[in-house]
Amino acid sequence: MNPVEVSHISKSFGSTQAVRNVSFEVAQGEIFGLLGPNGAGKTTTIRVMLDIFKPDSGTVSMLGGPMNEEKKDHIGYMPEERGLYQDITLERCLVYLATLKGLSANEARNRLQDQLERFDLLPHKNKKIKELSKGMQQKAQIIAAILHKPKLIIIDEPFTSLDPINTQLVKDLMRELHSQGVTLIMSTHQMHQVEELCDRILLIDEGSNVLYGNLNQIRREYAGNAVLIRADREIPNLPVVEKTVHHNSATKLILTEGSTPQDVLNELVAQDVHIEKFEIALPNLDEIFIKVVKEGNQSL
């Protein structure tokens, strides 16, 4: 059984239906991306998973069955909204939150020192939370989500307020947890981070599943009729090419309707062009996200 199995859940608040028949599974040890535009239903879905909200219909299995108090000690959750106690010190706040997850105060304090050092927060441990910068508070929230060594971690917008160095630090941490077999669910708007980290994704729009599956397979499914080429000289005009676009260190050729990548390759070989790189042009997740959400809105 997968650590997370969500089956046909729906949730309404008055006349507003926030989630409509959403289903997905998260496999053991994977990094799973939960995506969607603002107001799509991501946070409501997470809160139903965590038993904060009861679904109107459908079922949720967490770590092998329905949620209970014991399982909550094995789950780490970092909400997008900061949930730290502002008027107490960083160390006291994080130790207290860890005790709510079953650790003794001494054990929490011992574990905390390494994490504070890793996140460059050790010199600030006696400062009140409200005295810390937004980036420091974000790192503190991440520590709070992992300090009790959970089996499942759900993090909502983990890179908010982080500079590039700390963003890399969090990505390295996620990869480390992934290598240890920890299951991670990441909800974010930063598509390039999803492409870099996630194995599979679910895109929710208007409260419903619109895209779900392996990220690489999804990119192949949405690939247009285009190729990326790098050659020893400028690409000549080809009758099978409709448009040429410079794409980083390569050239993107958009093919005419009915033409194939093999046609392009044959033309280049015939013109004695030395090819250094030739591959199908796959769209990035930003492009897929925009296409899917726009098409969904146009069909409403």
Protein backbone atom coordinates (compact mmCIF):
# COMPACT_ATOMS: atom_id res chain seq x y z
CA MET A 1 0.00 0.00 0.00
CA ASN A 2 1.26 3.50 -0.85
CA PRO A 3 1.86 5.94 2.03
CA VAL A 4 -0.72 8.31 0.52
CA GLU A 5 -3.86 7.24 -1.36
CA VAL A 6 -6.50 9.85 -2.08
CA SER A 7 -9.66 8.54 -3.74
CA HIS A 8 -12.38 10.77 -5.24
CA ILE A 9 -12.41 13.39 -2.49
CA SER A 10 -14.68 16.43 -2.71
CA LYS A 11 -15.02 19.35 -0.32
CA SER A 12 -17.32 22.36 -0.37
CA PHE A 13 -17.57 25.44 1.81
CA GLY A 14 -21.11 26.74 1.50
CA SER A 15 -21.79 27.24 -2.20
CA THR A 16 -18.07 27.08 -3.12
CA GLN A 17 -16.73 23.70 -4.16
CA ALA A 18 -13.01 23.80 -3.38
CA VAL A 19 -12.18 20.21 -4.38
CA ARG A 20 -14.01 18.08 -6.94
CA ASN A 21 -13.43 14.35 -7.16
CA VAL A 22 -9.64 14.51 -6.72
CA SER A 23 -7.70 11.24 -6.76
CA PHE A 24 -3.97 10.44 -6.65
CA GLU A 25 -1.40 8.20 -5.00
CA VAL A 26 2.06 8.94 -3.70
CA ALA A 27 4.57 6.08 -3.74
CA GLN A 28 7.00 5.25 -0.97
CA GLY A 29 10.13 7.39 -1.08
CA GLU A 30 9.23 9.61 -4.02
CA ILE A 31 9.15 13.41 -4.27
CA PHE A 32 5.65 14.23 -5.51
CA GLY A 33 4.62 17.63 -6.88
CA LEU A 34 1.16 18.99 -6.04
CA LEU A 35 0.62 21.91 -8.40
CA GLY A 36 -2.05 24.37 -9.41
CA PRO A 37 -2.82 28.08 -9.77
CA ASN A 38 -3.96 30.15 -6.81
CA GLY A 39 -7.34 28.99 -5.55
CA ALA A 40 -7.09 25.65 -7.34
CA GLY A 41 -7.76 23.56 -4.22
CA LYS A 42 -4.23 22.45 -3.29
CA THR A 43 -4.32 23.64 0.31
CA THR A 44 -7.82 22.24 0.86
CA THR A 45 -6.64 18.89 -0.52
CA ILE A 46 -3.68 18.89 1.87
CA ARG A 47 -5.92 19.75 4.82
CA VAL A 48 -8.28 16.92 3.95
CA MET A 49 -5.30 14.55 3.77
CA LEU A 50 -4.17 15.69 7.22
CA ASP A 51 -7.69 15.30 8.67
CA ILE A 52 -7.94 19.03 9.37
CA PHE A 53 -11.01 19.06 7.09
CA LYS A 54 -13.39 16.15 6.64
CA PRO A 55 -14.22 15.43 2.98
CA ASP A 56 -17.83 15.61 1.83
CA SER A 57 -17.14 12.42 -0.12
CA GLY A 58 -14.24 10.15 -0.96
CA THR A 59 -11.56 8.53 1.18
CA VAL A 60 -7.97 9.19 2.24
CA SER A 61 -5.41 6.61 3.34
CA MET A 62 -2.31 7.94 5.11
CA LEU A 63 0.55 5.60 6.06
CA GLY A 64 -1.62 2.54 5.56
CA GLY A 65 -5.11 3.62 6.58
CA PRO A 66 -7.25 6.40 8.07
CA MET A 67 -5.47 9.21 9.88
CA ASN A 68 -5.13 8.95 13.66
CA GLU A 69 -3.16 10.74 16.38
CA GLU A 70 -0.32 8.22 16.34
CA LYS A 71 0.25 8.69 12.60
CA LYS A 72 0.48 12.45 13.02
CA ASP A 73 3.75 11.90 14.91
CA HIS A 74 5.18 10.36 11.71
CA ILE A 75 4.12 13.22 9.42
CA GLY A 76 5.84 16.56 8.97
CA TYR A 77 3.83 19.48 7.61
CA MET A 78 5.05 22.91 6.64
CA PRO A 79 2.14 25.20 5.73
CA GLU A 80 2.58 28.15 3.38
CA GLU A 81 1.43 30.52 6.13
CA ARG A 82 4.02 30.77 8.88
CA GLY A 83 2.83 29.03 12.03
CA LEU A 84 5.61 29.87 14.48
CA TYR A 85 5.06 31.48 17.88
CA GLN A 86 6.37 35.01 17.37
CA ASP A 87 7.05 36.05 20.97
CA ILE A 88 9.30 33.19 22.08
CA THR A 89 12.86 32.34 21.11
CA LEU A 90 13.71 30.26 18.07
CA GLU A 91 15.13 27.40 20.14
CA ARG A 92 12.21 27.29 22.55
CA CYS A 93 9.68 27.39 19.72
CA LEU A 94 11.25 24.54 17.74
CA VAL A 95 11.79 22.38 20.83
CA TYR A 96 8.17 22.87 21.85
CA LEU A 97 6.85 21.97 18.39
CA ALA A 98 9.02 18.83 18.38
CA THR A 99 7.57 17.72 21.74
CA LEU A 100 4.12 17.89 20.16
CA LYS A 101 5.39 15.23 17.73
CA GLY A 102 6.49 12.85 20.48
CA LEU A 103 10.08 13.87 21.19
CA SER A 104 11.32 14.63 24.69
CA ALA A 105 12.57 18.17 25.22
CA ASN A 106 16.16 16.90 25.66
CA GLU A 107 16.04 14.80 22.50
CA ALA A 108 14.54 17.69 20.54
CA ARG A 109 17.19 20.09 21.85
CA ASN A 110 20.01 17.70 20.93
CA ARG A 111 18.71 17.15 17.40
CA LEU A 112 18.05 20.83 16.96
CA GLN A 113 21.67 21.93 17.32
CA ASP A 114 22.75 20.14 14.14
CA GLN A 115 19.84 21.55 12.15
CA LEU A 116 20.39 25.08 13.40
CA GLU A 117 24.03 24.81 12.38
CA ARG A 118 23.12 23.36 8.98
CA PHE A 119 20.72 26.21 8.28
CA ASP A 120 23.05 28.88 9.69
CA LEU A 121 20.60 29.71 12.47
CA LEU A 122 22.70 28.70 15.50
CA PRO A 123 23.79 32.29 16.27
CA HIS A 124 20.11 33.29 16.29
CA LYS A 125 18.67 30.57 18.52
CA ASN A 126 18.02 32.96 21.43
CA LYS A 127 16.27 35.57 19.29
CA LYS A 128 12.49 35.79 19.29
CA ILE A 129 10.86 34.52 16.11
CA LYS A 130 9.53 37.99 15.30
CA GLU A 131 13.11 39.30 15.30
CA LEU A 132 14.14 36.93 12.51
CA SER A 133 14.02 37.74 8.81
CA LYS A 134 11.41 36.11 6.57
CA GLY A 135 14.07 33.80 5.15
CA MET A 136 15.19 32.73 8.62
CA GLN A 137 11.60 32.04 9.63
CA GLN A 138 11.14 29.96 6.50
CA LYS A 139 14.18 27.86 7.39
CA ALA A 140 12.88 27.51 10.95
CA GLN A 141 9.57 26.18 9.61
CA ILE A 142 11.42 23.61 7.52
CA ILE A 143 13.33 22.47 10.61
CA ALA A 144 10.04 22.16 12.50
CA ALA A 145 8.69 19.89 9.75
CA ILE A 146 11.67 17.49 9.78
CA LEU A 147 13.09 17.52 13.31
CA HIS A 148 11.03 14.53 14.50
CA LYS A 149 12.27 12.49 11.50
CA PRO A 150 8.88 11.83 9.91
CA LYS A 151 8.16 9.13 7.34
CA LEU A 152 6.04 11.53 5.26
CA ILE A 153 6.70 15.25 4.77
CA ILE A 154 4.28 17.70 3.17
CA ILE A 155 5.73 21.11 2.39
CA ASP A 156 3.80 24.03 0.93
CA GLU A 157 5.94 26.56 -1.01
CA PRO A 158 9.27 25.53 0.58
CA PHE A 159 11.38 28.12 -1.27
CA THR A 160 9.44 31.27 -0.33
CA SER A 161 11.74 34.10 0.87
CA LEU A 162 14.90 32.03 0.33
CA ASP A 163 17.95 33.36 -1.52
CA PRO A 164 19.74 31.11 -4.05
CA ILE A 165 22.18 29.72 -1.46
CA ASN A 166 19.42 28.71 0.96
CA THR A 167 17.25 27.45 -1.89
CA GLN A 168 20.06 25.07 -2.82
CA LEU A 169 20.40 24.09 0.83
CA VAL A 170 16.73 23.08 0.97
CA LYS A 171 16.98 21.20 -2.32
CA ASP A 172 19.99 19.28 -1.02
CA LEU A 173 18.03 18.45 2.13
CA MET A 174 15.08 17.16 0.08
CA ARG A 175 17.38 14.97 -2.00
CA GLU A 176 18.99 13.65 1.17
CA LEU A 177 15.61 12.76 2.68
CA HIS A 178 14.60 11.19 -0.65
CA SER A 179 17.72 9.00 -0.58
CA GLN A 180 16.76 7.86 2.92
CA GLY A 181 13.36 6.65 1.69
CA VAL A 182 11.31 9.51 3.13
CA THR A 183 8.19 10.36 1.11
CA LEU A 184 7.83 14.05 0.24
CA ILE A 185 4.90 16.00 -1.18
CA MET A 186 5.83 19.46 -2.40
CA SER A 187 3.29 22.10 -3.31
CA THR A 188 4.83 25.06 -5.16
CA HIS A 189 4.40 27.55 -7.98
CA GLN A 190 8.08 27.33 -8.92
CA MET A 191 7.92 24.95 -11.86
CA HIS A 192 11.68 24.76 -12.43
CA GLN A 193 12.06 23.42 -8.90
CA VAL A 194 9.42 20.77 -9.62
CA GLU A 195 11.25 19.73 -12.80
CA GLU A 196 14.48 19.42 -10.86
CA LEU A 197 13.13 17.50 -7.86
CA CYS A 198 9.87 15.67 -8.52
CA ASP A 199 9.30 12.15 -9.84
CA ARG A 200 5.57 12.55 -10.49
CA ILE A 201 3.06 15.39 -10.32
CA LEU A 202 -0.61 16.22 -9.95
CA LEU A 203 -1.91 19.47 -11.41
CA ILE A 204 -5.20 20.66 -9.92
CA ASP A 205 -7.28 23.41 -11.50
CA GLU A 206 -10.74 24.56 -10.44
CA GLY A 207 -10.58 21.89 -7.74
CA SER A 208 -10.19 18.98 -10.18
CA ASN A 209 -7.42 16.71 -11.50
CA VAL A 210 -6.25 17.98 -14.88
CA LEU A 211 -2.78 16.40 -15.18
CA TYR A 212 -1.34 13.45 -13.27
CA GLY A 213 1.56 11.10 -13.76
CA ASN A 214 5.28 10.72 -14.39
CA LEU A 215 6.85 14.09 -15.20
CA ASN A 216 9.04 12.84 -18.04
CA GLN A 217 6.14 11.02 -19.67
CA ILE A 218 3.95 14.13 -19.39
CA ARG A 219 6.62 16.24 -21.08
CA ARG A 220 6.83 13.72 -23.93
CA GLU A 221 3.04 13.69 -24.31
CA TYR A 222 2.98 17.49 -24.64
CA ALA A 223 5.96 17.69 -26.98
CA GLY A 224 5.09 19.66 -30.10
CA ASN A 225 6.44 19.01 -33.57
CA ALA A 226 9.87 20.53 -32.95
CA VAL A 227 13.53 19.53 -32.56
CA LEU A 228 16.59 21.03 -30.89
CA ILE A 229 19.75 21.12 -32.96
CA ARG A 230 23.32 22.28 -32.46
CA ALA A 231 25.55 22.21 -35.51
CA ASP A 232 28.99 23.34 -36.65
CA ARG A 233 27.46 26.24 -38.60
CA GLU A 234 24.22 28.18 -38.94
CA ILE A 235 21.26 25.97 -39.79
CA PRO A 236 20.27 26.54 -43.44
CA ASN A 237 16.69 27.23 -44.51
CA LEU A 238 14.83 23.94 -44.79
CA PRO A 239 11.48 23.39 -46.54
CA VAL A 240 10.28 21.18 -43.66
CA VAL A 241 10.86 23.94 -41.06
CA GLU A 242 8.17 26.53 -40.35
CA LYS A 243 10.03 28.59 -37.76
CA THR A 244 13.52 28.83 -36.24
CA VAL A 245 14.07 29.94 -32.63
CA HIS A 246 17.36 30.32 -30.79
CA HIS A 247 17.17 28.18 -27.65
CA ASN A 248 20.11 28.54 -25.24
CA SER A 249 23.12 26.98 -26.97
CA ALA A 250 20.97 25.19 -29.56
CA THR A 251 18.47 26.07 -32.27
CA LYS A 252 14.83 25.07 -32.00
CA LEU A 253 13.22 24.15 -35.31
CA ILE A 254 9.42 24.12 -35.42
CA LEU A 255 8.38 21.79 -38.22
CA THR A 256 5.71 22.27 -40.82
CA GLU A 257 2.55 20.22 -40.48
CA GLY A 258 3.15 16.67 -41.67
CA SER A 259 6.93 16.90 -41.39
CA THR A 260 8.91 14.68 -39.04
CA PRO A 261 12.24 14.95 -37.19
CA GLN A 262 13.59 12.33 -39.60
CA ASP A 263 12.81 14.69 -42.51
CA VAL A 264 14.89 17.41 -40.84
CA LEU A 265 17.75 15.02 -40.22
CA ASN A 266 17.71 13.83 -43.82
CA GLU A 267 17.78 17.43 -45.11
CA LEU A 268 20.71 18.37 -42.88
CA VAL A 269 22.72 15.30 -43.86
CA ALA A 270 22.00 16.01 -47.53
CA GLN A 271 23.40 19.54 -47.07
CA ASP A 272 26.49 18.17 -45.29
CA VAL A 273 25.73 19.89 -41.97
CA HIS A 274 27.79 18.40 -39.13
CA ILE A 275 25.33 17.80 -36.26
CA GLU A 276 26.56 18.03 -32.66
CA LYS A 277 23.15 17.72 -31.00
CA PHE A 278 19.78 16.52 -32.27
CA GLU A 279 16.79 15.79 -30.02
CA ILE A 280 13.04 16.15 -29.78
CA ALA A 281 12.19 19.49 -28.14
CA LEU A 282 10.30 18.78 -24.92
CA PRO A 283 8.27 21.57 -23.32
CA ASN A 284 9.15 22.72 -19.82
CA LEU A 285 6.60 22.44 -17.05
CA ASP A 286 5.82 26.17 -17.16
CA GLU A 287 4.69 25.81 -20.78
CA ILE A 288 2.59 22.73 -20.00
CA PHE A 289 1.08 24.40 -16.92
CA ILE A 290 0.00 27.47 -18.91
CA LYS A 291 -1.37 25.40 -21.77
CA VAL A 292 -3.39 23.05 -19.56
CA VAL A 293 -4.81 25.77 -17.30
CA LYS A 294 -5.73 28.04 -20.23
CA GLU A 295 -7.41 25.21 -22.11
CA GLY A 296 -9.30 24.21 -18.98
CA ASN A 297 -10.55 27.75 -18.40
CA GLN A 298 -11.62 28.13 -22.04
CA SER A 299 -13.72 24.97 -21.80
CA LEU A 300 -15.72 26.25 -18.80
